[in-house]
N, C-alpha and C. Protein backbone atom coordinates (compact mmCIF):
# COMPACT_ATOMS: atom_id res chain seq x y z
N UNK A 1 112.91 138.71 170.40
CA UNK A 1 113.45 137.40 170.67
C UNK A 1 112.45 136.63 171.52
N UNK A 2 112.21 135.38 171.15
CA UNK A 2 111.27 134.60 171.94
C UNK A 2 112.01 133.77 172.98
N UNK A 3 111.25 133.15 173.83
CA UNK A 3 111.82 132.42 174.96
C UNK A 3 112.64 131.21 174.52
N UNK A 4 112.26 130.58 173.41
CA UNK A 4 113.02 129.44 172.92
C UNK A 4 114.41 129.86 172.46
N UNK A 5 114.49 131.06 171.89
CA UNK A 5 115.79 131.55 171.42
C UNK A 5 116.73 131.86 172.58
N UNK A 6 116.17 132.12 173.75
CA UNK A 6 117.01 132.40 174.90
C UNK A 6 117.93 131.22 175.20
N UNK A 7 117.41 130.02 175.08
CA UNK A 7 118.22 128.85 175.36
C UNK A 7 119.42 128.78 174.41
N UNK A 8 119.20 129.10 173.16
CA UNK A 8 120.28 129.06 172.19
C UNK A 8 121.33 130.15 172.40
N UNK A 9 120.94 131.23 173.05
CA UNK A 9 121.84 132.35 173.29
C UNK A 9 122.10 132.56 174.78
N UNK A 10 122.11 131.48 175.52
CA UNK A 10 122.15 131.54 176.98
C UNK A 10 123.33 132.34 177.50
N UNK A 11 124.50 132.19 176.93
CA UNK A 11 125.68 132.90 177.43
C UNK A 11 125.48 134.40 177.42
N UNK A 12 124.71 134.91 176.47
CA UNK A 12 124.46 136.35 176.38
C UNK A 12 123.52 136.82 177.49
N UNK A 13 122.70 135.93 178.01
CA UNK A 13 121.69 136.31 178.99
C UNK A 13 122.13 136.11 180.44
N UNK A 14 123.23 135.42 180.66
CA UNK A 14 123.62 135.11 182.03
C UNK A 14 123.85 136.38 182.86
N UNK A 15 124.35 137.43 182.26
CA UNK A 15 124.55 138.68 182.99
C UNK A 15 123.24 139.26 183.47
N UNK A 16 122.24 139.25 182.62
CA UNK A 16 120.93 139.76 183.01
C UNK A 16 120.29 138.90 184.08
N UNK A 17 120.51 137.61 183.98
CA UNK A 17 119.96 136.69 184.99
C UNK A 17 120.63 136.96 186.33
N UNK A 18 121.94 137.15 186.33
CA UNK A 18 122.65 137.43 187.57
C UNK A 18 122.26 138.78 188.16
N UNK A 19 121.94 139.75 187.32
CA UNK A 19 121.46 141.05 187.82
C UNK A 19 120.15 140.87 188.57
N UNK A 20 119.26 140.05 188.02
CA UNK A 20 117.94 139.84 188.61
C UNK A 20 118.01 138.93 189.83
N UNK A 21 118.77 137.84 189.73
CA UNK A 21 118.85 136.84 190.79
C UNK A 21 120.31 136.67 191.20
N UNK A 22 120.77 137.57 192.02
CA UNK A 22 122.18 137.63 192.41
C UNK A 22 122.69 136.46 193.22
N UNK A 23 121.80 135.65 193.77
CA UNK A 23 122.23 134.50 194.55
C UNK A 23 122.67 133.32 193.68
N UNK A 24 122.42 133.40 192.38
CA UNK A 24 122.80 132.31 191.50
C UNK A 24 124.32 132.25 191.35
N UNK A 25 124.84 131.05 191.38
CA UNK A 25 126.26 130.83 191.14
C UNK A 25 126.47 130.52 189.66
N UNK A 26 127.73 130.50 189.26
CA UNK A 26 128.02 130.10 187.88
C UNK A 26 127.57 128.67 187.63
N UNK A 27 127.70 127.81 188.64
CA UNK A 27 127.22 126.43 188.50
C UNK A 27 125.71 126.39 188.30
N UNK A 28 124.98 127.26 189.02
CA UNK A 28 123.53 127.34 188.83
C UNK A 28 123.21 127.70 187.38
N UNK A 29 123.93 128.67 186.86
CA UNK A 29 123.68 129.12 185.49
C UNK A 29 124.00 128.03 184.49
N UNK A 30 125.00 127.22 184.78
CA UNK A 30 125.31 126.09 183.91
C UNK A 30 124.19 125.06 183.92
N UNK A 31 123.61 124.83 185.09
CA UNK A 31 122.50 123.88 185.22
C UNK A 31 121.26 124.42 184.50
N UNK A 32 120.99 125.70 184.66
CA UNK A 32 119.81 126.31 184.04
C UNK A 32 119.92 126.24 182.52
N UNK A 33 121.06 126.63 182.00
CA UNK A 33 121.39 126.55 180.57
C UNK A 33 120.26 127.02 179.66
N UNK A 34 119.54 128.06 180.08
CA UNK A 34 118.50 128.64 179.24
C UNK A 34 117.16 127.93 179.31
N UNK A 35 117.03 126.96 180.18
CA UNK A 35 115.77 126.21 180.31
C UNK A 35 114.89 126.86 181.36
N UNK A 36 113.72 127.23 180.96
CA UNK A 36 112.80 127.93 181.85
C UNK A 36 112.48 127.13 183.12
N UNK A 37 112.19 125.85 182.98
CA UNK A 37 111.85 125.04 184.15
C UNK A 37 113.02 124.98 185.14
N UNK A 38 114.24 124.91 184.62
CA UNK A 38 115.41 124.90 185.49
C UNK A 38 115.57 126.25 186.19
N UNK A 39 115.30 127.33 185.47
CA UNK A 39 115.38 128.67 186.05
C UNK A 39 114.37 128.79 187.19
N UNK A 40 113.15 128.37 186.96
CA UNK A 40 112.12 128.44 187.99
C UNK A 40 112.51 127.59 189.20
N UNK A 41 113.06 126.40 188.94
CA UNK A 41 113.49 125.52 190.04
C UNK A 41 114.59 126.13 190.88
N UNK A 42 115.54 126.77 190.23
CA UNK A 42 116.64 127.41 190.97
C UNK A 42 116.15 128.61 191.77
N UNK A 43 115.16 129.32 191.25
CA UNK A 43 114.57 130.43 192.01
C UNK A 43 113.91 129.87 193.28
N UNK A 44 113.18 128.78 193.12
CA UNK A 44 112.55 128.15 194.29
C UNK A 44 113.60 127.74 195.31
N UNK A 45 114.65 127.12 194.83
CA UNK A 45 115.71 126.60 195.70
C UNK A 45 116.47 127.72 196.41
N UNK A 46 116.91 128.71 195.67
CA UNK A 46 117.76 129.78 196.24
C UNK A 46 116.98 130.82 197.04
N UNK A 47 115.74 131.06 196.65
CA UNK A 47 114.98 132.15 197.26
C UNK A 47 113.78 131.68 198.09
N UNK A 48 113.57 130.37 198.18
CA UNK A 48 112.50 129.84 199.01
C UNK A 48 111.11 130.21 198.53
N UNK A 49 110.94 130.30 197.24
CA UNK A 49 109.65 130.67 196.67
C UNK A 49 108.87 129.42 196.28
N UNK A 50 107.56 129.57 196.18
CA UNK A 50 106.73 128.48 195.70
C UNK A 50 106.89 128.36 194.19
N UNK A 51 106.42 127.25 193.65
CA UNK A 51 106.49 127.05 192.21
C UNK A 51 105.73 128.16 191.48
N UNK A 52 104.56 128.51 191.98
CA UNK A 52 103.75 129.56 191.36
C UNK A 52 104.43 130.92 191.45
N UNK A 53 105.03 131.23 192.59
CA UNK A 53 105.75 132.50 192.74
C UNK A 53 106.92 132.58 191.77
N UNK A 54 107.66 131.49 191.64
CA UNK A 54 108.80 131.46 190.73
C UNK A 54 108.34 131.64 189.29
N UNK A 55 107.25 130.97 188.92
CA UNK A 55 106.72 131.09 187.56
C UNK A 55 106.32 132.53 187.27
N UNK A 56 105.62 133.18 188.19
CA UNK A 56 105.21 134.56 188.00
C UNK A 56 106.42 135.50 187.89
N UNK A 57 107.43 135.24 188.71
CA UNK A 57 108.64 136.06 188.68
C UNK A 57 109.33 135.95 187.32
N UNK A 58 109.43 134.73 186.80
CA UNK A 58 110.06 134.52 185.50
C UNK A 58 109.21 135.15 184.39
N UNK A 59 107.88 134.99 184.46
CA UNK A 59 107.00 135.63 183.47
C UNK A 59 107.23 137.14 183.45
N UNK A 60 107.26 137.73 184.63
CA UNK A 60 107.46 139.18 184.75
C UNK A 60 108.82 139.58 184.18
N UNK A 61 109.84 138.81 184.48
CA UNK A 61 111.19 139.09 184.00
C UNK A 61 111.25 139.03 182.47
N UNK A 62 110.62 137.98 181.89
CA UNK A 62 110.57 137.87 180.43
C UNK A 62 109.84 139.06 179.82
N UNK A 63 108.71 139.42 180.41
CA UNK A 63 107.93 140.55 179.88
C UNK A 63 108.72 141.86 179.94
N UNK A 64 109.40 142.09 181.07
CA UNK A 64 110.19 143.31 181.24
C UNK A 64 111.33 143.41 180.24
N UNK A 65 111.85 142.26 179.86
CA UNK A 65 112.98 142.25 178.93
C UNK A 65 112.55 142.08 177.47
N UNK A 66 111.24 142.11 177.22
CA UNK A 66 110.74 142.06 175.87
C UNK A 66 110.85 140.71 175.18
N UNK A 67 110.79 139.64 175.98
CA UNK A 67 110.88 138.31 175.37
C UNK A 67 109.54 137.69 175.34
């Protein structure tokens, strides 16, 4: 599955996202809605990471999950 398909199947991935980033609320997940930039932004907001750190974290997460 590629990253674009994640957006289309977002409801299926919310559990995995919450496992990785437990500080996310259901409202956060609604805002993210499978969009990578939104995911990175919420990581920055909730975890106090830089844009580059958030991007690397998301890249690593995608790679680990085979996307």
